[in-house]
């Protein structure tokens, strides 16, 4: 399978049980990709400004408990 259309077609042909298993697999795959991107962004300092702003708000009492 080399194109999105082929993948879409293959997924549309799955049985309900296979589709459920695919959903579980894809959710785990997608979460792992997200985690890798966040780790990369943290390592490269892309979130530093946001973290500093959040900590400033916390020190100033501008945060509320969830």
N, C-alpha and C. Protein backbone atom coordinates (compact mmCIF):
# COMPACT_ATOMS: atom_id res chain seq x y z
N UNK A 1 0.85 -1.18 0.00
CA UNK A 1 0.00 0.00 0.00
C UNK A 1 0.89 1.23 0.00
N UNK A 2 0.76 2.02 -1.02
CA UNK A 2 1.64 3.17 -1.12
C UNK A 2 0.90 4.49 -1.15
N UNK A 3 -0.40 4.47 -1.15
CA UNK A 3 -1.09 5.75 -1.19
C UNK A 3 -2.21 5.79 -0.16
N UNK A 4 -2.58 6.98 0.18
CA UNK A 4 -3.65 7.17 1.15
C UNK A 4 -4.94 6.52 0.68
N UNK A 5 -5.25 6.64 -0.59
CA UNK A 5 -6.49 6.04 -1.11
C UNK A 5 -6.48 4.53 -0.93
N UNK A 6 -5.34 3.89 -1.13
CA UNK A 6 -5.24 2.44 -0.94
C UNK A 6 -5.44 2.07 0.52
N UNK A 7 -4.86 2.87 1.40
CA UNK A 7 -5.02 2.62 2.83
C UNK A 7 -6.48 2.81 3.23
N UNK A 8 -7.10 3.89 2.76
CA UNK A 8 -8.51 4.14 3.07
C UNK A 8 -9.37 2.97 2.60
N UNK A 9 -9.10 2.49 1.40
CA UNK A 9 -9.88 1.37 0.88
C UNK A 9 -9.68 0.12 1.74
N UNK A 10 -8.43 -0.17 2.08
CA UNK A 10 -8.14 -1.35 2.91
C UNK A 10 -8.85 -1.26 4.25
N UNK A 11 -8.83 -0.09 4.87
CA UNK A 11 -9.50 0.08 6.16
C UNK A 11 -11.01 -0.11 6.00
N UNK A 12 -11.55 0.40 4.91
CA UNK A 12 -13.00 0.27 4.70
C UNK A 12 -13.43 -1.18 4.51
N UNK A 13 -12.50 -2.06 4.18
CA UNK A 13 -12.81 -3.47 3.96
C UNK A 13 -12.66 -4.33 5.22
N UNK A 14 -12.21 -3.74 6.32
CA UNK A 14 -12.00 -4.50 7.55
C UNK A 14 -13.33 -4.93 8.17
N UNK A 15 -13.30 -6.08 8.81
CA UNK A 15 -14.48 -6.53 9.56
C UNK A 15 -14.59 -5.64 10.80
N UNK A 16 -15.74 -5.67 11.47
CA UNK A 16 -15.87 -4.87 12.69
C UNK A 16 -14.80 -5.20 13.73
N UNK A 17 -14.46 -6.47 13.86
CA UNK A 17 -13.44 -6.87 14.83
C UNK A 17 -12.07 -6.34 14.42
N UNK A 18 -11.75 -6.46 13.13
CA UNK A 18 -10.47 -5.95 12.64
C UNK A 18 -10.40 -4.43 12.78
N UNK A 19 -11.51 -3.76 12.52
CA UNK A 19 -11.55 -2.31 12.63
C UNK A 19 -11.33 -1.89 14.09
N UNK A 20 -11.91 -2.61 15.01
CA UNK A 20 -11.71 -2.31 16.44
C UNK A 20 -10.23 -2.48 16.81
N UNK A 21 -9.62 -3.55 16.32
CA UNK A 21 -8.20 -3.78 16.60
C UNK A 21 -7.34 -2.71 15.94
N UNK A 22 -7.72 -2.30 14.74
CA UNK A 22 -6.99 -1.24 14.05
C UNK A 22 -7.08 0.07 14.83
N UNK A 23 -8.25 0.38 15.34
CA UNK A 23 -8.42 1.61 16.13
C UNK A 23 -7.48 1.63 17.33
N UNK A 24 -7.42 0.50 18.04
CA UNK A 24 -6.53 0.40 19.21
C UNK A 24 -5.09 0.61 18.76
N UNK A 25 -4.68 -0.09 17.70
CA UNK A 25 -3.31 0.02 17.21
C UNK A 25 -3.01 1.46 16.80
N UNK A 26 -3.93 2.08 16.06
CA UNK A 26 -3.67 3.44 15.57
C UNK A 26 -3.61 4.44 16.72
N UNK A 27 -4.46 4.30 17.71
CA UNK A 27 -4.43 5.21 18.86
C UNK A 27 -3.07 5.12 19.55
N UNK A 28 -2.55 3.91 19.72
CA UNK A 28 -1.24 3.74 20.34
C UNK A 28 -0.13 4.30 19.45
N UNK A 29 -0.21 4.05 18.16
CA UNK A 29 0.76 4.57 17.19
C UNK A 29 0.77 6.10 17.21
N UNK A 30 -0.42 6.69 17.18
CA UNK A 30 -0.54 8.14 17.15
C UNK A 30 -0.03 8.76 18.45
N UNK A 31 -0.34 8.14 19.58
CA UNK A 31 0.13 8.65 20.88
C UNK A 31 1.65 8.60 20.95
N UNK A 32 2.25 7.54 20.43
CA UNK A 32 3.72 7.42 20.44
C UNK A 32 4.35 8.50 19.56
N UNK A 33 3.74 8.77 18.42
CA UNK A 33 4.26 9.83 17.53
C UNK A 33 4.15 11.19 18.22
N UNK A 34 3.03 11.44 18.90
CA UNK A 34 2.83 12.69 19.64
C UNK A 34 3.89 12.83 20.73
N UNK A 35 4.11 11.75 21.49
CA UNK A 35 5.11 11.77 22.56
C UNK A 35 6.50 12.10 22.01
N UNK A 36 6.87 11.49 20.89
CA UNK A 36 8.18 11.77 20.28
C UNK A 36 8.30 13.23 19.89
N UNK A 37 7.23 13.80 19.33
CA UNK A 37 7.27 15.20 18.91
C UNK A 37 7.40 16.11 20.12
N UNK A 38 6.65 15.84 21.18
CA UNK A 38 6.75 16.66 22.40
C UNK A 38 8.15 16.57 22.98
N UNK A 39 8.71 15.35 23.05
CA UNK A 39 10.06 15.18 23.57
C UNK A 39 11.07 15.97 22.74
N UNK A 40 10.91 15.95 21.43
CA UNK A 40 11.80 16.71 20.54
C UNK A 40 11.66 18.20 20.79
N UNK A 41 10.42 18.67 20.89
CA UNK A 41 10.18 20.09 21.13
C UNK A 41 10.77 20.54 22.47
N UNK A 42 10.64 19.72 23.49
CA UNK A 42 11.20 20.05 24.81
C UNK A 42 12.72 20.11 24.71
N UNK A 43 13.33 19.10 24.09
CA UNK A 43 14.79 19.05 23.96
C UNK A 43 15.34 20.24 23.19
N UNK A 44 14.57 20.73 22.23
CA UNK A 44 15.00 21.87 21.42
C UNK A 44 14.61 23.21 22.02
N UNK A 45 13.97 23.18 23.20
CA UNK A 45 13.62 24.42 23.89
C UNK A 45 12.41 25.14 23.36
N UNK A 46 11.64 24.48 22.53
CA UNK A 46 10.48 25.14 21.91
C UNK A 46 9.36 25.46 22.90
N UNK A 47 9.37 24.79 24.06
CA UNK A 47 8.30 25.01 25.03
C UNK A 47 8.77 25.85 26.21
N UNK A 48 10.02 26.28 26.19
CA UNK A 48 10.57 27.04 27.33
C UNK A 48 9.79 28.31 27.62
N UNK A 49 9.47 29.07 26.59
CA UNK A 49 8.75 30.34 26.81
C UNK A 49 7.37 30.08 27.42
N UNK A 50 6.69 29.05 26.94
CA UNK A 50 5.37 28.73 27.50
C UNK A 50 5.49 28.28 28.95
N UNK A 51 6.51 27.49 29.25
CA UNK A 51 6.72 27.04 30.63
C UNK A 51 7.00 28.22 31.54
N UNK A 52 7.84 29.14 31.10
CA UNK A 52 8.16 30.32 31.92
C UNK A 52 6.91 31.17 32.15
N UNK A 53 6.10 31.32 31.12
CA UNK A 53 4.87 32.10 31.26
C UNK A 53 3.92 31.42 32.26
N UNK A 54 3.80 30.11 32.18
CA UNK A 54 2.93 29.37 33.10
C UNK A 54 3.44 29.49 34.53
N UNK A 55 4.74 29.37 34.72
CA UNK A 55 5.30 29.50 36.07
C UNK A 55 5.11 30.90 36.62
N UNK A 56 5.24 31.90 35.77
CA UNK A 56 5.00 33.30 36.19
C UNK A 56 3.55 33.46 36.65
N UNK A 57 2.64 32.94 35.89
CA UNK A 57 1.22 33.02 36.25
C UNK A 57 0.96 32.30 37.57
N UNK A 58 1.61 31.17 37.77
CA UNK A 58 1.45 30.43 39.01
C UNK A 58 1.96 31.25 40.20
N UNK A 59 3.15 31.84 40.05
CA UNK A 59 3.71 32.67 41.13
C UNK A 59 2.81 33.87 41.43
N UNK A 60 2.18 34.41 40.42
CA UNK A 60 1.32 35.58 40.59
C UNK A 60 -0.09 35.21 41.08
N UNK A 61 -0.34 33.93 41.27
CA UNK A 61 -1.65 33.49 41.74
C UNK A 61 -2.74 33.58 40.68
N UNK A 62 -2.34 33.51 39.44
CA UNK A 62 -3.30 33.64 38.34
C UNK A 62 -3.80 32.29 37.83
N UNK A 63 -3.50 31.22 38.57
CA UNK A 63 -3.92 29.87 38.18
C UNK A 63 -5.03 29.39 39.10
N UNK A 64 -5.86 28.53 38.60
CA UNK A 64 -6.89 27.94 39.43
C UNK A 64 -6.74 26.42 39.42
N UNK A 65 -7.14 25.79 40.51
CA UNK A 65 -7.10 24.33 40.58
C UNK A 65 -8.13 23.74 39.64
N UNK A 66 -7.82 22.61 39.10
CA UNK A 66 -8.76 21.91 38.23
C UNK A 66 -9.68 21.04 39.04
